[in-house]
């Protein structure tokens, strides 16, 4: 998987990635103002997300964003959303079993959330 960059984030925003939608819901649920058990709040976030009924194609497009550089993705999007979606479906959905895709999606989700945590860590002072 490619590193998460601002360009990656811009493309995820542009396609209205369900991964970003889930991260937003999770952030809202885990807000200190909500208090309570964090496991219950994560479960509440998952339930809210399920109600939004994200489509499989959105997840395929999201995974596609992590295996191609942002400039390539923007080029496809500039040709039109159907071109972008078709490229993602052809490369991922048409080749992977549902189990393999689910495993890849979990990996992408961990990679993305890990990059957010890493970006928020204080950087050591230079000597």
N, C-alpha and C. Protein backbone atom coordinates (compact mmCIF):
# COMPACT_ATOMS: atom_id res chain seq x y z
N UNK A 1 0.84 -1.18 0.00
CA UNK A 1 0.00 0.00 0.00
C UNK A 1 0.88 1.25 0.00
N UNK A 2 0.40 2.23 -0.68
CA UNK A 2 1.13 3.50 -0.75
C UNK A 2 0.94 4.30 0.53
N UNK A 3 1.88 5.19 0.84
CA UNK A 3 1.71 6.05 2.02
C UNK A 3 0.49 6.96 1.85
N UNK A 4 -0.11 7.29 2.98
CA UNK A 4 -1.24 8.22 2.96
C UNK A 4 -0.68 9.63 2.90
N UNK A 5 -1.07 10.35 1.85
CA UNK A 5 -0.61 11.72 1.66
C UNK A 5 -1.82 12.65 1.62
N UNK A 6 -1.55 13.92 1.58
CA UNK A 6 -2.63 14.89 1.41
C UNK A 6 -3.35 14.65 0.09
N UNK A 7 -2.58 14.24 -0.94
CA UNK A 7 -3.19 13.91 -2.23
C UNK A 7 -4.15 12.74 -2.12
N UNK A 8 -3.77 11.73 -1.33
CA UNK A 8 -4.67 10.59 -1.10
C UNK A 8 -5.95 11.08 -0.46
N UNK A 9 -5.79 11.91 0.56
CA UNK A 9 -6.95 12.42 1.29
C UNK A 9 -7.87 13.24 0.38
N UNK A 10 -7.26 14.03 -0.51
CA UNK A 10 -8.05 14.84 -1.44
C UNK A 10 -8.88 13.95 -2.35
N UNK A 11 -8.29 12.86 -2.84
CA UNK A 11 -9.03 11.95 -3.72
C UNK A 11 -10.13 11.25 -2.93
N UNK A 12 -9.84 10.83 -1.70
CA UNK A 12 -10.87 10.21 -0.86
C UNK A 12 -12.03 11.17 -0.63
N UNK A 13 -11.72 12.43 -0.41
CA UNK A 13 -12.78 13.45 -0.26
C UNK A 13 -13.58 13.56 -1.56
N UNK A 14 -12.88 13.59 -2.65
CA UNK A 14 -13.52 13.79 -3.96
C UNK A 14 -14.49 12.66 -4.30
N UNK A 15 -14.14 11.44 -3.92
CA UNK A 15 -15.03 10.30 -4.22
C UNK A 15 -16.04 10.06 -3.11
N UNK A 16 -15.98 10.89 -2.06
CA UNK A 16 -16.86 10.73 -0.91
C UNK A 16 -16.74 9.31 -0.35
N UNK A 17 -15.50 8.95 -0.04
CA UNK A 17 -15.16 7.62 0.44
C UNK A 17 -15.94 7.25 1.70
N UNK A 18 -16.49 6.03 1.73
CA UNK A 18 -17.16 5.58 2.95
C UNK A 18 -16.18 5.45 4.13
N UNK A 19 -14.90 5.28 3.85
CA UNK A 19 -13.91 5.23 4.92
C UNK A 19 -13.86 6.56 5.66
N UNK A 20 -13.89 7.66 4.94
CA UNK A 20 -13.91 8.97 5.59
C UNK A 20 -15.20 9.19 6.36
N UNK A 21 -16.29 8.71 5.80
CA UNK A 21 -17.58 8.84 6.49
C UNK A 21 -17.53 8.08 7.82
N UNK A 22 -16.98 6.87 7.80
CA UNK A 22 -16.90 6.09 9.04
C UNK A 22 -15.96 6.76 10.04
N UNK A 23 -14.83 7.27 9.57
CA UNK A 23 -13.88 7.92 10.48
C UNK A 23 -14.53 9.14 11.14
N UNK A 24 -15.35 9.86 10.40
CA UNK A 24 -16.05 11.03 10.95
C UNK A 24 -17.04 10.60 12.03
N UNK A 25 -17.81 9.55 11.73
CA UNK A 25 -18.78 9.04 12.71
C UNK A 25 -18.04 8.55 13.95
N UNK A 26 -16.95 7.83 13.76
CA UNK A 26 -16.17 7.30 14.88
C UNK A 26 -15.61 8.44 15.72
N UNK A 27 -15.11 9.47 15.06
CA UNK A 27 -14.58 10.63 15.78
C UNK A 27 -15.68 11.29 16.62
N UNK A 28 -16.86 11.41 16.04
CA UNK A 28 -17.99 12.00 16.78
C UNK A 28 -18.34 11.15 18.00
N UNK A 29 -18.42 9.83 17.80
CA UNK A 29 -18.81 8.94 18.89
C UNK A 29 -17.76 8.89 20.00
N UNK A 30 -16.49 8.99 19.63
CA UNK A 30 -15.42 8.89 20.62
C UNK A 30 -15.08 10.23 21.26
N UNK A 31 -15.81 11.25 20.89
CA UNK A 31 -15.60 12.57 21.48
C UNK A 31 -15.76 12.49 23.00
N UNK A 32 -14.89 13.17 23.74
CA UNK A 32 -15.01 13.15 25.20
C UNK A 32 -16.38 13.58 25.71
N UNK A 33 -17.07 14.40 24.96
CA UNK A 33 -18.39 14.87 25.41
C UNK A 33 -19.39 13.72 25.51
N UNK A 34 -19.14 12.60 24.79
CA UNK A 34 -20.07 11.47 24.83
C UNK A 34 -19.85 10.58 26.04
N UNK A 35 -18.64 10.61 26.63
CA UNK A 35 -18.36 9.81 27.82
C UNK A 35 -18.71 8.34 27.62
N UNK A 36 -18.72 7.60 28.70
CA UNK A 36 -19.12 6.20 28.65
C UNK A 36 -18.04 5.27 28.14
N UNK A 37 -18.42 4.02 27.99
CA UNK A 37 -17.53 2.94 27.58
C UNK A 37 -17.12 3.09 26.12
N UNK A 38 -15.81 3.05 25.86
CA UNK A 38 -15.34 3.25 24.49
C UNK A 38 -15.79 2.12 23.57
N UNK A 39 -15.86 0.89 24.07
CA UNK A 39 -16.32 -0.22 23.22
C UNK A 39 -17.77 0.01 22.80
N UNK A 40 -18.58 0.51 23.71
CA UNK A 40 -19.98 0.80 23.38
C UNK A 40 -20.07 1.93 22.37
N UNK A 41 -19.17 2.90 22.50
CA UNK A 41 -19.20 4.03 21.56
C UNK A 41 -18.74 3.60 20.17
N UNK A 42 -17.77 2.69 20.10
CA UNK A 42 -17.35 2.16 18.80
C UNK A 42 -18.50 1.37 18.17
N UNK A 43 -19.19 0.59 18.98
CA UNK A 43 -20.35 -0.16 18.48
C UNK A 43 -21.44 0.79 17.99
N UNK A 44 -21.63 1.88 18.70
CA UNK A 44 -22.62 2.87 18.27
C UNK A 44 -22.20 3.50 16.95
N UNK A 45 -20.92 3.75 16.77
CA UNK A 45 -20.42 4.31 15.51
C UNK A 45 -20.67 3.33 14.37
N UNK A 46 -20.40 2.06 14.61
CA UNK A 46 -20.62 1.04 13.57
C UNK A 46 -22.10 0.97 13.21
N UNK A 47 -22.96 1.05 14.20
CA UNK A 47 -24.41 1.00 13.93
C UNK A 47 -24.86 2.22 13.12
N UNK A 48 -24.35 3.39 13.48
CA UNK A 48 -24.69 4.61 12.71
C UNK A 48 -24.22 4.49 11.27
N UNK A 49 -23.02 3.95 11.10
CA UNK A 49 -22.46 3.80 9.77
C UNK A 49 -23.29 2.82 8.93
N UNK A 50 -23.68 1.72 9.53
CA UNK A 50 -24.49 0.73 8.81
C UNK A 50 -25.81 1.33 8.32
N UNK A 51 -26.37 2.23 9.09
CA UNK A 51 -27.63 2.87 8.69
C UNK A 51 -27.46 3.71 7.43
N UNK A 52 -26.23 4.17 7.17
CA UNK A 52 -26.00 5.00 5.98
C UNK A 52 -25.96 4.15 4.71
N UNK A 53 -25.89 2.84 4.86
CA UNK A 53 -25.91 1.88 3.75
C UNK A 53 -24.92 2.22 2.63
N UNK A 54 -23.63 2.25 2.98
CA UNK A 54 -22.64 2.53 1.93
C UNK A 54 -22.60 1.38 0.92
N UNK A 55 -22.44 1.71 -0.33
CA UNK A 55 -22.41 0.70 -1.37
C UNK A 55 -21.04 0.07 -1.52
N UNK A 56 -21.01 -1.14 -2.02
CA UNK A 56 -19.76 -1.87 -2.22
C UNK A 56 -18.83 -1.13 -3.17
N UNK A 57 -19.38 -0.50 -4.19
CA UNK A 57 -18.53 0.21 -5.15
C UNK A 57 -17.72 1.31 -4.47
N UNK A 58 -18.29 1.97 -3.48
CA UNK A 58 -17.55 3.00 -2.75
C UNK A 58 -16.35 2.43 -2.01
N UNK A 59 -16.51 1.24 -1.47
CA UNK A 59 -15.39 0.59 -0.79
C UNK A 59 -14.32 0.14 -1.78
N UNK A 60 -14.76 -0.35 -2.95
CA UNK A 60 -13.81 -0.75 -3.98
C UNK A 60 -13.01 0.47 -4.43
N UNK A 61 -13.68 1.57 -4.66
CA UNK A 61 -12.98 2.80 -5.05
C UNK A 61 -12.00 3.25 -3.97
N UNK A 62 -12.39 3.10 -2.72
CA UNK A 62 -11.53 3.49 -1.62
C UNK A 62 -10.25 2.66 -1.61
N UNK A 63 -10.37 1.36 -1.72
CA UNK A 63 -9.20 0.48 -1.76
C UNK A 63 -8.30 0.86 -2.94
N UNK A 64 -8.91 1.14 -4.07
CA UNK A 64 -8.19 1.53 -5.28
C UNK A 64 -7.29 2.74 -5.02
N UNK A 65 -7.74 3.63 -4.14
CA UNK A 65 -6.99 4.85 -3.82
C UNK A 65 -5.69 4.57 -3.07
N UNK A 66 -5.57 3.39 -2.50
CA UNK A 66 -4.38 3.07 -1.72
C UNK A 66 -3.37 2.24 -2.49
N UNK A 67 -3.68 1.92 -3.74
CA UNK A 67 -2.74 1.12 -4.53
C UNK A 67 -2.29 1.85 -5.79
N UNK A 68 -2.73 3.09 -5.94
CA UNK A 68 -2.30 3.93 -7.06
C UNK A 68 -1.94 5.31 -6.54
N UNK A 69 -0.95 5.96 -7.15
CA UNK A 69 -0.58 7.31 -6.70
C UNK A 69 -1.70 8.31 -6.99
N UNK A 70 -1.79 9.33 -6.14
CA UNK A 70 -2.87 10.31 -6.30
C UNK A 70 -2.94 10.97 -7.67
N UNK A 71 -1.80 11.22 -8.32
CA UNK A 71 -1.87 11.88 -9.64
C UNK A 71 -2.55 10.98 -10.66
N UNK A 72 -2.34 9.68 -10.58
CA UNK A 72 -3.03 8.74 -11.47
C UNK A 72 -4.54 8.75 -11.19
N UNK A 73 -4.88 8.75 -9.91
CA UNK A 73 -6.29 8.74 -9.51
C UNK A 73 -7.01 10.01 -9.98
N UNK A 74 -6.34 11.16 -9.79
CA UNK A 74 -6.94 12.42 -10.25
C UNK A 74 -7.13 12.42 -11.76
N UNK A 75 -6.16 11.85 -12.48
CA UNK A 75 -6.29 11.76 -13.94
C UNK A 75 -7.51 10.96 -14.34
N UNK A 76 -7.74 9.84 -13.66
CA UNK A 76 -8.93 9.03 -13.96
C UNK A 76 -10.21 9.80 -13.61
N UNK A 77 -10.20 10.45 -12.45
CA UNK A 77 -11.39 11.22 -12.04
C UNK A 77 -11.66 12.37 -13.00
N UNK A 78 -10.62 12.98 -13.52
CA UNK A 78 -10.80 14.08 -14.46
C UNK A 78 -11.46 13.61 -15.76
N UNK A 79 -11.35 12.30 -16.04
CA UNK A 79 -12.02 11.73 -17.22
C UNK A 79 -13.49 11.41 -16.93
N UNK A 80 -13.87 11.49 -15.66
CA UNK A 80 -15.25 11.24 -15.27
C UNK A 80 -15.33 10.14 -14.23
N UNK A 81 -16.28 10.27 -13.36
CA UNK A 81 -16.45 9.29 -12.27
C UNK A 81 -16.68 7.88 -12.81
N UNK A 82 -17.46 7.70 -13.87
CA UNK A 82 -17.64 6.33 -14.38
C UNK A 82 -16.32 5.69 -14.83
N UNK A 83 -15.40 6.48 -15.39
CA UNK A 83 -14.10 5.94 -15.80
C UNK A 83 -13.33 5.48 -14.57
N UNK A 84 -13.34 6.30 -13.52
CA UNK A 84 -12.65 5.97 -12.27
C UNK A 84 -13.25 4.70 -11.67
N UNK A 85 -14.56 4.66 -11.55
CA UNK A 85 -15.24 3.51 -10.93
C UNK A 85 -14.98 2.25 -11.74
N UNK A 86 -15.04 2.34 -13.05
CA UNK A 86 -14.80 1.16 -13.89
C UNK A 86 -13.38 0.63 -13.70
N UNK A 87 -12.40 1.53 -13.64
CA UNK A 87 -11.01 1.11 -13.43
C UNK A 87 -10.87 0.39 -12.09
N UNK A 88 -11.49 0.95 -11.05
CA UNK A 88 -11.42 0.33 -9.72
C UNK A 88 -12.11 -1.03 -9.71
N UNK A 89 -13.29 -1.10 -10.29
CA UNK A 89 -14.03 -2.37 -10.32
C UNK A 89 -13.27 -3.43 -11.11
N UNK A 90 -12.71 -3.03 -12.24
CA UNK A 90 -11.99 -3.98 -13.10
C UNK A 90 -10.75 -4.52 -12.39
N UNK A 91 -10.02 -3.65 -11.72
CA UNK A 91 -8.77 -4.06 -11.08
C UNK A 91 -8.98 -4.80 -9.77
N UNK A 92 -10.03 -4.46 -9.05
CA UNK A 92 -10.21 -5.04 -7.71
C UNK A 92 -11.40 -6.00 -7.64
N UNK A 93 -12.59 -5.48 -7.87
CA UNK A 93 -13.79 -6.29 -7.67
C UNK A 93 -13.89 -7.46 -8.64
N UNK A 94 -13.40 -7.27 -9.85
CA UNK A 94 -13.49 -8.34 -10.84
C UNK A 94 -12.43 -9.41 -10.65
N UNK A 95 -11.47 -9.17 -9.75
CA UNK A 95 -10.37 -10.12 -9.56
C UNK A 95 -10.33 -10.78 -8.19
N UNK A 96 -10.85 -10.11 -7.18
CA UNK A 96 -10.73 -10.63 -5.81
C UNK A 96 -12.01 -11.33 -5.36
N UNK A 97 -11.83 -12.40 -4.59
CA UNK A 97 -12.99 -13.05 -3.96
C UNK A 97 -13.52 -12.11 -2.88
N UNK A 98 -14.76 -12.30 -2.45
CA UNK A 98 -15.29 -11.46 -1.37
C UNK A 98 -14.44 -11.52 -0.09
N UNK A 99 -13.93 -12.70 0.24
CA UNK A 99 -13.11 -12.83 1.44
C UNK A 99 -11.80 -12.06 1.28
N UNK A 100 -11.15 -12.22 0.15
CA UNK A 100 -9.90 -11.50 -0.10
C UNK A 100 -10.13 -9.99 -0.09
N UNK A 101 -11.25 -9.55 -0.68
CA UNK A 101 -11.54 -8.12 -0.69
C UNK A 101 -11.76 -7.61 0.73
N UNK A 102 -12.52 -8.35 1.53
CA UNK A 102 -12.76 -7.93 2.91
C UNK A 102 -11.45 -7.81 3.69
N UNK A 103 -10.54 -8.76 3.48
CA UNK A 103 -9.24 -8.70 4.15
C UNK A 103 -8.45 -7.47 3.71
N UNK A 104 -8.49 -7.18 2.42
CA UNK A 104 -7.80 -6.01 1.90
C UNK A 104 -8.41 -4.73 2.46
N UNK A 105 -9.72 -4.68 2.55
CA UNK A 105 -10.41 -3.51 3.10
C UNK A 105 -10.03 -3.28 4.56
N UNK A 106 -9.95 -4.34 5.33
CA UNK A 106 -9.52 -4.21 6.73
C UNK A 106 -8.09 -3.67 6.79
N UNK A 107 -7.23 -4.18 5.93
CA UNK A 107 -5.84 -3.70 5.88
C UNK A 107 -5.77 -2.22 5.52
N UNK A 108 -6.55 -1.81 4.54
CA UNK A 108 -6.58 -0.40 4.13
C UNK A 108 -7.08 0.47 5.28
N UNK A 109 -8.12 0.02 5.96
CA UNK A 109 -8.68 0.79 7.08
C UNK A 109 -7.65 0.97 8.19
N UNK A 110 -6.92 -0.10 8.50
CA UNK A 110 -5.89 -0.02 9.53
C UNK A 110 -4.74 0.89 9.08
N UNK A 111 -4.37 0.77 7.82
CA UNK A 111 -3.30 1.61 7.26
C UNK A 111 -3.68 3.09 7.35
N UNK A 112 -4.90 3.41 6.97
CA UNK A 112 -5.36 4.79 6.98
C UNK A 112 -5.45 5.32 8.41
N UNK A 113 -6.10 4.57 9.31
CA UNK A 113 -6.25 5.05 10.68
C UNK A 113 -4.89 5.13 11.37
N UNK A 114 -3.98 4.20 11.07
CA UNK A 114 -2.64 4.25 11.62
C UNK A 114 -1.88 5.49 11.17
N UNK A 115 -2.10 5.89 9.93
CA UNK A 115 -1.42 7.09 9.43
C UNK A 115 -1.94 8.33 10.14
N UNK A 116 -3.20 8.34 10.50
CA UNK A 116 -3.76 9.49 11.22
C UNK A 116 -3.16 9.59 12.62
N UNK A 117 -3.00 8.45 13.26
CA UNK A 117 -2.41 8.42 14.60
C UNK A 117 -0.96 8.87 14.52
N UNK A 118 -0.23 8.34 13.55
CA UNK A 118 1.19 8.69 13.40
C UNK A 118 1.37 10.19 13.13
N UNK A 119 0.46 10.77 12.37
CA UNK A 119 0.55 12.18 12.05
C UNK A 119 0.30 13.06 13.27
N UNK A 120 -0.41 12.53 14.25
CA UNK A 120 -0.73 13.32 15.43
C UNK A 120 0.30 13.17 16.54
N UNK A 121 1.26 12.25 16.39
CA UNK A 121 2.30 12.06 17.39
C UNK A 121 3.26 13.24 17.37
N UNK A 122 3.69 13.70 18.53
CA UNK A 122 4.66 14.78 18.56
C UNK A 122 5.98 14.32 17.93
N UNK A 123 6.57 15.17 17.14
CA UNK A 123 7.81 14.85 16.47
C UNK A 123 8.97 15.22 17.41
N UNK A 124 10.00 14.36 17.45
CA UNK A 124 11.15 14.69 18.32
C UNK A 124 11.86 15.95 17.81
N UNK A 125 12.36 16.74 18.73
CA UNK A 125 13.06 17.97 18.36
C UNK A 125 14.38 17.62 17.69
N UNK A 126 14.71 18.38 16.66
CA UNK A 126 15.98 18.17 15.97
C UNK A 126 17.12 18.68 16.83
N UNK A 127 18.27 18.00 16.72
CA UNK A 127 19.44 18.39 17.50
C UNK A 127 20.27 19.38 16.74
